[in-house]
């Protein structure tokens, strides 16, 4: 267990319901909010990384996943003969 001098207090605003539910999770693991936030800060400080995906990262990952599915679906259509020919695609791009 890491023992450090806790000499700074940091206050922030959050959603009351989120905090209530998060505290229930912390308690189920034998932790409190202070210890969890201190562990988060230590992890960020020592690794230089945030130990979870940001909203932008999640959206980017979902977008890449959906593009991959669309490409797979279009390849399946092409292989089954239901896709658009290159000549047709070029014709539509010129229009």
PDB file of N, CA and C in Angstrom:
ATOM      1  N   UNK A   1       0.843  -1.184   0.000  1.00  0.00           N
ATOM      2  CA  UNK A   1       0.000   0.000   0.000  1.00  0.00           C
ATOM      3  C   UNK A   1       0.886   1.244   0.000  1.00  0.00           C
ATOM      4  N   UNK A   2       0.595   2.153  -0.858  1.00  0.00           N
ATOM      5  CA  UNK A   2       1.354   3.389  -0.989  1.00  0.00           C
ATOM      6  C   UNK A   2       0.884   4.396   0.053  1.00  0.00           C
ATOM      7  N   UNK A   3       1.815   4.911   0.827  1.00  0.00           N
ATOM      8  CA  UNK A   3       1.480   5.923   1.826  1.00  0.00           C
ATOM      9  C   UNK A   3       2.127   7.227   1.383  1.00  0.00           C
ATOM     10  N   UNK A   4       1.323   8.254   1.209  1.00  0.00           N
ATOM     11  CA  UNK A   4       1.822   9.561   0.790  1.00  0.00           C
ATOM     12  C   UNK A   4       1.212  10.639   1.670  1.00  0.00           C
ATOM     13  N   UNK A   5       1.863  11.775   1.673  1.00  0.00           N
ATOM     14  CA  UNK A   5       1.348  12.928   2.402  1.00  0.00           C
ATOM     15  C   UNK A   5       0.228  13.559   1.580  1.00  0.00           C
ATOM     16  N   UNK A   6      -0.979  13.509   2.082  1.00  0.00           N
ATOM     17  CA  UNK A   6      -2.129  14.106   1.386  1.00  0.00           C
ATOM     18  C   UNK A   6      -2.280  15.531   1.903  1.00  0.00           C
ATOM     19  N   UNK A   7      -1.676  16.472   1.169  1.00  0.00           N
ATOM     20  CA  UNK A   7      -1.599  17.841   1.660  1.00  0.00           C
ATOM     21  C   UNK A   7      -2.373  18.842   0.807  1.00  0.00           C
ATOM     22  N   UNK A   8      -3.179  18.351  -0.111  1.00  0.00           N
ATOM     23  CA  UNK A   8      -3.972  19.245  -0.955  1.00  0.00           C
ATOM     24  C   UNK A   8      -5.401  18.728  -1.036  1.00  0.00           C
ATOM     25  N   UNK A   9      -6.339  19.634  -0.922  1.00  0.00           N
ATOM     26  CA  UNK A   9      -7.740  19.263  -1.105  1.00  0.00           C
ATOM     27  C   UNK A   9      -8.183  19.800  -2.456  1.00  0.00           C
ATOM     28  N   UNK A  10      -8.908  18.968  -3.211  1.00  0.00           N
ATOM     29  CA  UNK A  10      -9.374  19.336  -4.542  1.00  0.00           C
ATOM     30  C   UNK A  10     -10.875  19.110  -4.594  1.00  0.00           C
ATOM     31  N   UNK A  11     -11.631  20.129  -4.949  1.00  0.00           N
ATOM     32  CA  UNK A  11     -13.091  20.025  -5.037  1.00  0.00           C
ATOM     33  C   UNK A  11     -13.518  20.114  -6.489  1.00  0.00           C
ATOM     34  N   UNK A  12     -14.546  19.377  -6.838  1.00  0.00           N
ATOM     35  CA  UNK A  12     -15.087  19.446  -8.194  1.00  0.00           C
ATOM     36  C   UNK A  12     -16.578  19.168  -8.149  1.00  0.00           C
ATOM     37  N   UNK A  13     -17.256  19.568  -9.187  1.00  0.00           N
ATOM     38  CA  UNK A  13     -18.701  19.321  -9.289  1.00  0.00           C
ATOM     39  C   UNK A  13     -18.936  18.086 -10.140  1.00  0.00           C
ATOM     40  N   UNK A  14     -19.949  17.319  -9.760  1.00  0.00           N
ATOM     41  CA  UNK A  14     -20.345  16.144 -10.528  1.00  0.00           C
ATOM     42  C   UNK A  14     -21.839  15.916 -10.347  1.00  0.00           C
ATOM     43  N   UNK A  15     -22.358  14.968 -11.033  1.00  0.00           N
ATOM     44  CA  UNK A  15     -23.769  14.612 -10.951  1.00  0.00           C
ATOM     45  C   UNK A  15     -24.015  13.822  -9.668  1.00  0.00           C
ATOM     46  N   UNK A  16     -24.995  14.231  -8.895  1.00  0.00           N
ATOM     47  CA  UNK A  16     -25.289  13.614  -7.606  1.00  0.00           C
ATOM     48  C   UNK A  16     -25.585  12.120  -7.741  1.00  0.00           C
ATOM     49  N   UNK A  17     -26.391  11.763  -8.719  1.00  0.00           N
ATOM     50  CA  UNK A  17     -26.762  10.351  -8.902  1.00  0.00           C
ATOM     51  C   UNK A  17     -25.556   9.510  -9.316  1.00  0.00           C
ATOM     52  N   UNK A  18     -24.718  10.052 -10.196  1.00  0.00           N
ATOM     53  CA  UNK A  18     -23.498   9.328 -10.606  1.00  0.00           C
ATOM     54  C   UNK A  18     -22.618   9.058  -9.390  1.00  0.00           C
ATOM     55  N   UNK A  19     -22.430  10.106  -8.573  1.00  0.00           N
ATOM     56  CA  UNK A  19     -21.557   9.967  -7.411  1.00  0.00           C
ATOM     57  C   UNK A  19     -22.124   8.941  -6.427  1.00  0.00           C
ATOM     58  N   UNK A  20     -23.414   8.983  -6.219  1.00  0.00           N
ATOM     59  CA  UNK A  20     -24.053   8.026  -5.301  1.00  0.00           C
ATOM     60  C   UNK A  20     -23.803   6.593  -5.770  1.00  0.00           C
ATOM     61  N   UNK A  21     -24.018   6.334  -7.069  1.00  0.00           N
ATOM     62  CA  UNK A  21     -23.815   4.986  -7.609  1.00  0.00           C
ATOM     63  C   UNK A  21     -22.343   4.591  -7.588  1.00  0.00           C
ATOM     64  N   UNK A  22     -21.464   5.549  -7.901  1.00  0.00           N
ATOM     65  CA  UNK A  22     -20.025   5.265  -7.876  1.00  0.00           C
ATOM     66  C   UNK A  22     -19.577   4.913  -6.458  1.00  0.00           C
ATOM     67  N   UNK A  23     -20.083   5.645  -5.459  1.00  0.00           N
ATOM     68  CA  UNK A  23     -19.718   5.364  -4.076  1.00  0.00           C
ATOM     69  C   UNK A  23     -20.170   3.968  -3.652  1.00  0.00           C
ATOM     70  N   UNK A  24     -21.308   3.516  -4.185  1.00  0.00           N
ATOM     71  CA  UNK A  24     -21.770   2.155  -3.898  1.00  0.00           C
ATOM     72  C   UNK A  24     -20.789   1.131  -4.455  1.00  0.00           C
ATOM     73  N   UNK A  25     -20.295   1.386  -5.659  1.00  0.00           N
ATOM     74  CA  UNK A  25     -19.299   0.487  -6.260  1.00  0.00           C
ATOM     75  C   UNK A  25     -18.013   0.514  -5.446  1.00  0.00           C
ATOM     76  N   UNK A  26     -17.562   1.720  -5.080  1.00  0.00           N
ATOM     77  CA  UNK A  26     -16.349   1.833  -4.271  1.00  0.00           C
ATOM     78  C   UNK A  26     -16.502   1.029  -2.984  1.00  0.00           C
ATOM     79  N   UNK A  27     -17.628   1.220  -2.296  1.00  0.00           N
ATOM     80  CA  UNK A  27     -17.865   0.537  -1.021  1.00  0.00           C
ATOM     81  C   UNK A  27     -17.873  -0.976  -1.204  1.00  0.00           C
ATOM     82  N   UNK A  28     -18.421  -1.463  -2.314  1.00  0.00           N
ATOM     83  CA  UNK A  28     -18.466  -2.911  -2.554  1.00  0.00           C
ATOM     84  C   UNK A  28     -17.066  -3.495  -2.709  1.00  0.00           C
ATOM     85  N   UNK A  29     -16.108  -2.620  -2.983  1.00  0.00           N
ATOM     86  CA  UNK A  29     -14.713  -3.053  -3.138  1.00  0.00           C
ATOM     87  C   UNK A  29     -13.867  -2.657  -1.929  1.00  0.00           C
ATOM     88  N   UNK A  30     -14.547  -2.179  -0.870  1.00  0.00           N
ATOM     89  CA  UNK A  30     -13.848  -1.791   0.346  1.00  0.00           C
ATOM     90  C   UNK A  30     -13.080  -0.484   0.222  1.00  0.00           C
ATOM     91  N   UNK A  31     -13.520   0.388  -0.675  1.00  0.00           N
ATOM     92  CA  UNK A  31     -12.838   1.660  -0.925  1.00  0.00           C
ATOM     93  C   UNK A  31     -13.772   2.829  -0.660  1.00  0.00           C
ATOM     94  N   UNK A  32     -13.186   4.003  -0.532  1.00  0.00           N
ATOM     95  CA  UNK A  32     -13.983   5.224  -0.478  1.00  0.00           C
ATOM     96  C   UNK A  32     -13.562   6.115  -1.648  1.00  0.00           C
ATOM     97  N   UNK A  33     -14.298   7.206  -1.850  1.00  0.00           N
ATOM     98  CA  UNK A  33     -14.035   8.078  -2.994  1.00  0.00           C
ATOM     99  C   UNK A  33     -12.628   8.662  -2.940  1.00  0.00           C
ATOM    100  N   UNK A  34     -12.169   9.055  -1.772  1.00  0.00           N
ATOM    101  CA  UNK A  34     -10.829   9.639  -1.652  1.00  0.00           C
ATOM    102  C   UNK A  34      -9.756   8.662  -2.111  1.00  0.00           C
ATOM    103  N   UNK A  35      -9.839   7.420  -1.651  1.00  0.00           N
ATOM    104  CA  UNK A  35      -8.811   6.442  -2.037  1.00  0.00           C
ATOM    105  C   UNK A  35      -8.863   6.133  -3.534  1.00  0.00           C
ATOM    106  N   UNK A  36     -10.063   6.073  -4.101  1.00  0.00           N
ATOM    107  CA  UNK A  36     -10.188   5.810  -5.535  1.00  0.00           C
ATOM    108  C   UNK A  36      -9.610   6.964  -6.348  1.00  0.00           C
ATOM    109  N   UNK A  37      -9.933   8.188  -5.976  1.00  0.00           N
ATOM    110  CA  UNK A  37      -9.418   9.337  -6.723  1.00  0.00           C
ATOM    111  C   UNK A  37      -7.902   9.457  -6.573  1.00  0.00           C
ATOM    112  N   UNK A  38      -7.384   9.148  -5.382  1.00  0.00           N
ATOM    113  CA  UNK A  38      -5.935   9.168  -5.208  1.00  0.00           C
ATOM    114  C   UNK A  38      -5.261   8.093  -6.065  1.00  0.00           C
ATOM    115  N   UNK A  39      -5.873   6.920  -6.170  1.00  0.00           N
ATOM    116  CA  UNK A  39      -5.315   5.871  -7.032  1.00  0.00           C
ATOM    117  C   UNK A  39      -5.353   6.298  -8.495  1.00  0.00           C
ATOM    118  N   UNK A  40      -6.443   6.954  -8.898  1.00  0.00           N
ATOM    119  CA  UNK A  40      -6.550   7.450 -10.273  1.00  0.00           C
ATOM    120  C   UNK A  40      -5.446   8.469 -10.554  1.00  0.00           C
ATOM    121  N   UNK A  41      -5.267   9.423  -9.657  1.00  0.00           N
ATOM    122  CA  UNK A  41      -4.244  10.453  -9.849  1.00  0.00           C
ATOM    123  C   UNK A  41      -2.858   9.820  -9.906  1.00  0.00           C
ATOM    124  N   UNK A  42      -2.589   8.849  -9.033  1.00  0.00           N
ATOM    125  CA  UNK A  42      -1.290   8.167  -9.035  1.00  0.00           C
ATOM    126  C   UNK A  42      -1.066   7.438 -10.354  1.00  0.00           C
ATOM    127  N   UNK A  43      -2.083   6.751 -10.838  1.00  0.00           N
ATOM    128  CA  UNK A  43      -1.983   6.017 -12.110  1.00  0.00           C
ATOM    129  C   UNK A  43      -1.682   6.966 -13.267  1.00  0.00           C
ATOM    130  N   UNK A  44      -2.387   8.069 -13.334  1.00  0.00           N
ATOM    131  CA  UNK A  44      -2.156   9.058 -14.397  1.00  0.00           C
ATOM    132  C   UNK A  44      -0.739   9.620 -14.281  1.00  0.00           C
ATOM    133  N   UNK A  45      -0.332   9.945 -13.074  1.00  0.00           N
ATOM    134  CA  UNK A  45       0.993  10.526 -12.852  1.00  0.00           C
ATOM    135  C   UNK A  45       2.102   9.549 -13.248  1.00  0.00           C
ATOM    136  N   UNK A  46       1.971   8.289 -12.870  1.00  0.00           N
ATOM    137  CA  UNK A  46       3.063   7.340 -13.105  1.00  0.00           C
ATOM    138  C   UNK A  46       3.106   6.814 -14.532  1.00  0.00           C
ATOM    139  N   UNK A  47       1.948   6.720 -15.190  1.00  0.00           N
ATOM    140  CA  UNK A  47       1.927   6.162 -16.554  1.00  0.00           C
ATOM    141  C   UNK A  47       1.883   7.229 -17.630  1.00  0.00           C
ATOM    142  N   UNK A  48       1.428   8.437 -17.267  1.00  0.00           N
ATOM    143  CA  UNK A  48       1.241   9.483 -18.271  1.00  0.00           C
ATOM    144  C   UNK A  48       0.036   9.229 -19.154  1.00  0.00           C
ATOM    145  N   UNK A  49      -0.815   8.329 -18.725  1.00  0.00           N
ATOM    146  CA  UNK A  49      -2.010   7.950 -19.488  1.00  0.00           C
ATOM    147  C   UNK A  49      -3.238   8.007 -18.591  1.00  0.00           C
ATOM    148  N   UNK A  50      -4.396   8.167 -19.218  1.00  0.00           N
ATOM    149  CA  UNK A  50      -5.666   8.058 -18.503  1.00  0.00           C
ATOM    150  C   UNK A  50      -6.100   6.599 -18.626  1.00  0.00           C
ATOM    151  N   UNK A  51      -6.416   5.923 -17.523  1.00  0.00           N
ATOM    152  CA  UNK A  51      -6.680   4.471 -17.576  1.00  0.00           C
ATOM    153  C   UNK A  51      -8.073   4.089 -18.075  1.00  0.00           C
ATOM    154  N   UNK A  52      -8.655   4.919 -18.891  1.00  0.00           N
ATOM    155  CA  UNK A  52      -9.937   4.605 -19.520  1.00  0.00           C
ATOM    156  C   UNK A  52     -10.037   5.434 -20.788  1.00  0.00           C
ATOM    157  N   UNK A  53     -10.969   5.065 -21.656  1.00  0.00           N
ATOM    158  CA  UNK A  53     -11.147   5.802 -22.900  1.00  0.00           C
ATOM    159  C   UNK A  53     -11.923   7.091 -22.662  1.00  0.00           C
ATOM    160  N   UNK A  54     -11.482   8.153 -23.320  1.00  0.00           N
ATOM    161  CA  UNK A  54     -12.244   9.401 -23.278  1.00  0.00           C
ATOM    162  C   UNK A  54     -13.453   9.240 -24.193  1.00  0.00           C
ATOM    163  N   UNK A  55     -14.396  10.164 -24.100  1.00  0.00           N
ATOM    164  CA  UNK A  55     -15.581  10.106 -24.959  1.00  0.00           C
ATOM    165  C   UNK A  55     -15.186  10.185 -26.429  1.00  0.00           C
ATOM    166  N   UNK A  56     -14.223  11.048 -26.772  1.00  0.00           N
ATOM    167  CA  UNK A  56     -13.748  11.148 -28.155  1.00  0.00           C
ATOM    168  C   UNK A  56     -13.158   9.827 -28.632  1.00  0.00           C
ATOM    169  N   UNK A  57     -12.381   9.166 -27.781  1.00  0.00           N
ATOM    170  CA  UNK A  57     -11.790   7.880 -28.154  1.00  0.00           C
ATOM    171  C   UNK A  57     -12.859   6.818 -28.368  1.00  0.00           C
ATOM    172  N   UNK A  58     -13.874   6.803 -27.512  1.00  0.00           N
ATOM    173  CA  UNK A  58     -14.976   5.845 -27.670  1.00  0.00           C
ATOM    174  C   UNK A  58     -15.714   6.088 -28.984  1.00  0.00           C
ATOM    175  N   UNK A  59     -16.001   7.369 -29.271  1.00  0.00           N
ATOM    176  CA  UNK A  59     -16.717   7.699 -30.509  1.00  0.00           C
ATOM    177  C   UNK A  59     -15.883   7.334 -31.732  1.00  0.00           C
ATOM    178  N   UNK A  60     -14.578   7.580 -31.680  1.00  0.00           N
ATOM    179  CA  UNK A  60     -13.687   7.233 -32.787  1.00  0.00           C
ATOM    180  C   UNK A  60     -13.672   5.720 -33.001  1.00  0.00           C
ATOM    181  N   UNK A  61     -13.588   4.957 -31.913  1.00  0.00           N
ATOM    182  CA  UNK A  61     -13.575   3.500 -32.003  1.00  0.00           C
ATOM    183  C   UNK A  61     -14.888   2.973 -32.585  1.00  0.00           C
ATOM    184  N   UNK A  62     -16.009   3.534 -32.147  1.00  0.00           N
ATOM    185  CA  UNK A  62     -17.315   3.132 -32.671  1.00  0.00           C
ATOM    186  C   UNK A  62     -17.421   3.456 -34.166  1.00  0.00           C
ATOM    187  N   UNK A  63     -16.914   4.632 -34.566  1.00  0.00           N
ATOM    188  CA  UNK A  63     -16.943   5.037 -35.962  1.00  0.00           C
ATOM    189  C   UNK A  63     -16.118   4.082 -36.822  1.00  0.00           C
ATOM    190  N   UNK A  64     -14.916   3.749 -36.360  1.00  0.00           N
ATOM    191  CA  UNK A  64     -14.053   2.822 -37.101  1.00  0.00           C
ATOM    192  C   UNK A  64     -14.716   1.453 -37.197  1.00  0.00           C
ATOM    193  N   UNK A  65     -15.335   1.018 -36.112  1.00  0.00           N
ATOM    194  CA  UNK A  65     -16.039  -0.277 -36.122  1.00  0.00           C
ATOM    195  C   UNK A  65     -17.186  -0.262 -37.133  1.00  0.00           C
ATOM    196  N   UNK A  66     -17.963   0.827 -37.156  1.00  0.00           N
ATOM    197  CA  UNK A  66     -19.093   0.898 -38.090  1.00  0.00           C
ATOM    198  C   UNK A  66     -18.603   0.969 -39.536  1.00  0.00           C
ATOM    199  N   UNK A  67     -17.486   1.663 -39.774  1.00  0.00           N
ATOM    200  CA  UNK A  67     -16.911   1.682 -41.128  1.00  0.00           C
ATOM    201  C   UNK A  67     -16.485   0.286 -41.553  1.00  0.00           C
ATOM    202  N   UNK A  68     -15.860  -0.437 -40.639  1.00  0.00           N
ATOM    203  CA  UNK A  68     -15.446  -1.812 -40.946  1.00  0.00           C
ATOM    204  C   UNK A  68     -16.633  -2.694 -41.300  1.00  0.00           C
ATOM    205  N   UNK A  69     -17.727  -2.561 -40.552  1.00  0.00           N
ATOM    206  CA  UNK A  69     -18.940  -3.342 -40.855  1.00  0.00           C
ATOM    207  C   UNK A  69     -19.500  -2.966 -42.220  1.00  0.00           C
ATOM    208  N   UNK A  70     -19.493  -1.659 -42.525  1.00  0.00           N
ATOM    209  CA  UNK A  70     -20.005  -1.205 -43.817  1.00  0.00           C
ATOM    210  C   UNK A  70     -19.145  -1.740 -44.956  1.00  0.00           C
ATOM    211  N   UNK A  71     -17.838  -1.725 -44.781  1.00  0.00           N
ATOM    212  CA  UNK A  71     -16.939  -2.272 -45.806  1.00  0.00           C
ATOM    213  C   UNK A  71     -17.193  -3.756 -45.987  1.00  0.00           C
ATOM    214  N   UNK A  72     -17.314  -4.497 -44.890  1.00  0.00           N
ATOM    215  CA  UNK A  72     -17.592  -5.935 -44.976  1.00  0.00           C
ATOM    216  C   UNK A  72     -18.899  -6.205 -45.703  1.00  0.00           C
ATOM    217  N   UNK A  73     -19.944  -5.425 -45.382  1.00  0.00           N
ATOM    218  CA  UNK A  73     -21.243  -5.604 -46.042  1.00  0.00           C
ATOM    219  C   UNK A  73     -21.148  -5.311 -47.534  1.00  0.00           C
ATOM    220  N   UNK A  74     -20.436  -4.248 -47.890  1.00  0.00           N
ATOM    221  CA  UNK A  74     -20.303  -3.898 -49.301  1.00  0.00           C
ATOM    222  C   UNK A  74     -19.474  -4.929 -50.056  1.00  0.00           C
ATOM    223  N   UNK A  75     -18.447  -5.482 -49.428  1.00  0.00           N
ATOM    224  CA  UNK A  75     -17.665  -6.544 -50.073  1.00  0.00           C
ATOM    225  C   UNK A  75     -18.524  -7.781 -50.304  1.00  0.00           C
ATOM    226  N   UNK A  76     -19.358  -8.102 -49.320  1.00  0.00           N
ATOM    227  CA  UNK A  76     -20.256  -9.254 -49.481  1.00  0.00           C
ATOM    228  C   UNK A  76     -21.209  -9.024 -50.651  1.00  0.00           C
ATOM    229  N   UNK A  77     -21.726  -7.808 -50.792  1.00  0.00           N
ATOM    230  CA  UNK A  77     -22.606  -7.491 -51.919  1.00  0.00           C
ATOM    231  C   UNK A  77     -21.860  -7.634 -53.250  1.00  0.00           C
ATOM    232  N   UNK A  78     -20.642  -7.117 -53.296  1.00  0.00           N
ATOM    233  CA  UNK A  78     -19.850  -7.223 -54.527  1.00  0.00           C
ATOM    234  C   UNK A  78     -19.585  -8.673 -54.895  1.00  0.00           C
ATOM    235  N   UNK A  79     -19.225  -9.470 -53.913  1.00  0.00           N
ATOM    236  CA  UNK A  79     -18.921 -10.889 -54.163  1.00  0.00           C
ATOM    237  C   UNK A  79     -20.159 -11.658 -54.606  1.00  0.00           C
ATOM    238  N   UNK A  80     -21.320 -11.225 -54.177  1.00  0.00           N
ATOM    239  CA  UNK A  80     -22.555 -11.919 -54.561  1.00  0.00           C
ATOM    240  C   UNK A  80     -23.108 -11.400 -55.889  1.00  0.00           C
ATOM    241  N   UNK A  81     -22.404 -10.439 -56.488  1.00  0.00           N
ATOM    242  CA  UNK A  81     -22.847  -9.899 -57.768  1.00  0.00           C
ATOM    243  C   UNK A  81     -23.902  -8.813 -57.652  1.00  0.00           C
ATOM    244  N   UNK A  82     -24.184  -8.352 -56.449  1.00  0.00           N
ATOM    245  CA  UNK A  82     -25.218  -7.334 -56.240  1.00  0.00           C
ATOM    246  C   UNK A  82     -24.629  -5.930 -56.101  1.00  0.00           C
ATOM    247  N   UNK A  83     -23.320  -5.831 -56.191  1.00  0.00           N
ATOM    248  CA  UNK A  83     -22.684  -4.539 -56.010  1.00  0.00           C
ATOM    249  C   UNK A  83     -22.674  -3.720 -57.284  1.00  0.00           C
ATOM    250  N   UNK A  84     -22.118  -2.558 -57.191  1.00  0.00           N
ATOM    251  CA  UNK A  84     -22.024  -1.625 -58.303  1.00  0.00           C
ATOM    252  C   UNK A  84     -20.702  -1.861 -59.032  1.00  0.00           C
ATOM    253  N   UNK A  85     -20.747  -1.849 -60.339  1.00  0.00           N
ATOM    254  CA  UNK A  85     -19.523  -2.009 -61.113  1.00  0.00           C
ATOM    255  C   UNK A  85     -18.659  -0.756 -60.992  1.00  0.00           C
ATOM    256  N   UNK A  86     -17.380  -0.893 -61.293  1.00  0.00           N
ATOM    257  CA  UNK A  86     -16.475   0.258 -61.259  1.00  0.00           C
ATOM    258  C   UNK A  86     -16.947   1.307 -62.254  1.00  0.00           C
ATOM    259  N   UNK A  87     -17.392   0.863 -63.437  1.00  0.00           N
ATOM    260  CA  UNK A  87     -17.873   1.805 -64.461  1.00  0.00           C
ATOM    261  C   UNK A  87     -19.075   2.589 -63.937  1.00  0.00           C
ATOM    262  N   UNK A  88     -19.991   1.915 -63.234  1.00  0.00           N
ATOM    263  CA  UNK A  88     -21.169   2.581 -62.675  1.00  0.00           C
ATOM    264  C   UNK A  88     -20.765   3.569 -61.585  1.00  0.00           C
ATOM    265  N   UNK A  89     -19.819   3.176 -60.744  1.00  0.00           N
ATOM    266  CA  UNK A  89     -19.352   4.077 -59.689  1.00  0.00           C
ATOM    267  C   UNK A  89     -18.723   5.311 -60.276  1.00  0.00           C
ATOM    268  N   UNK A  90     -17.906   5.144 -61.312  1.00  0.00           N
ATOM    269  CA  UNK A  90     -17.271   6.286 -61.952  1.00  0.00           C
ATOM    270  C   UNK A  90     -18.314   7.196 -62.602  1.00  0.00           C
ATOM    271  N   UNK A  91     -19.308   6.586 -63.235  1.00  0.00           N
ATOM    272  CA  UNK A  91     -20.371   7.360 -63.864  1.00  0.00           C
ATOM    273  C   UNK A  91     -21.105   8.205 -62.823  1.00  0.00           C
ATOM    274  N   UNK A  92     -21.404   7.624 -61.670  1.00  0.00           N
ATOM    275  CA  UNK A  92     -22.118   8.351 -60.612  1.00  0.00           C
ATOM    276  C   UNK A  92     -21.264   9.451 -60.006  1.00  0.00           C
ATOM    277  N   UNK A  93     -19.957   9.226 -59.897  1.00  0.00           N
ATOM    278  CA  UNK A  93     -19.075  10.244 -59.337  1.00  0.00           C
ATOM    279  C   UNK A  93     -18.970  11.464 -60.251  1.00  0.00           C
ATOM    280  N   UNK A  94     -19.087  11.250 -61.564  1.00  0.00           N
ATOM    281  CA  UNK A  94     -18.977  12.346 -62.525  1.00  0.00           C
ATOM    282  C   UNK A  94     -20.250  13.196 -62.541  1.00  0.00           C
ATOM    283  N   UNK A  95     -21.355  12.615 -62.120  1.00  0.00           N
ATOM    284  CA  UNK A  95     -22.639  13.317 -62.176  1.00  0.00           C
ATOM    285  C   UNK A  95     -22.761  14.399 -61.162  1.00  0.00           C
TER     286      UNK A  95
END
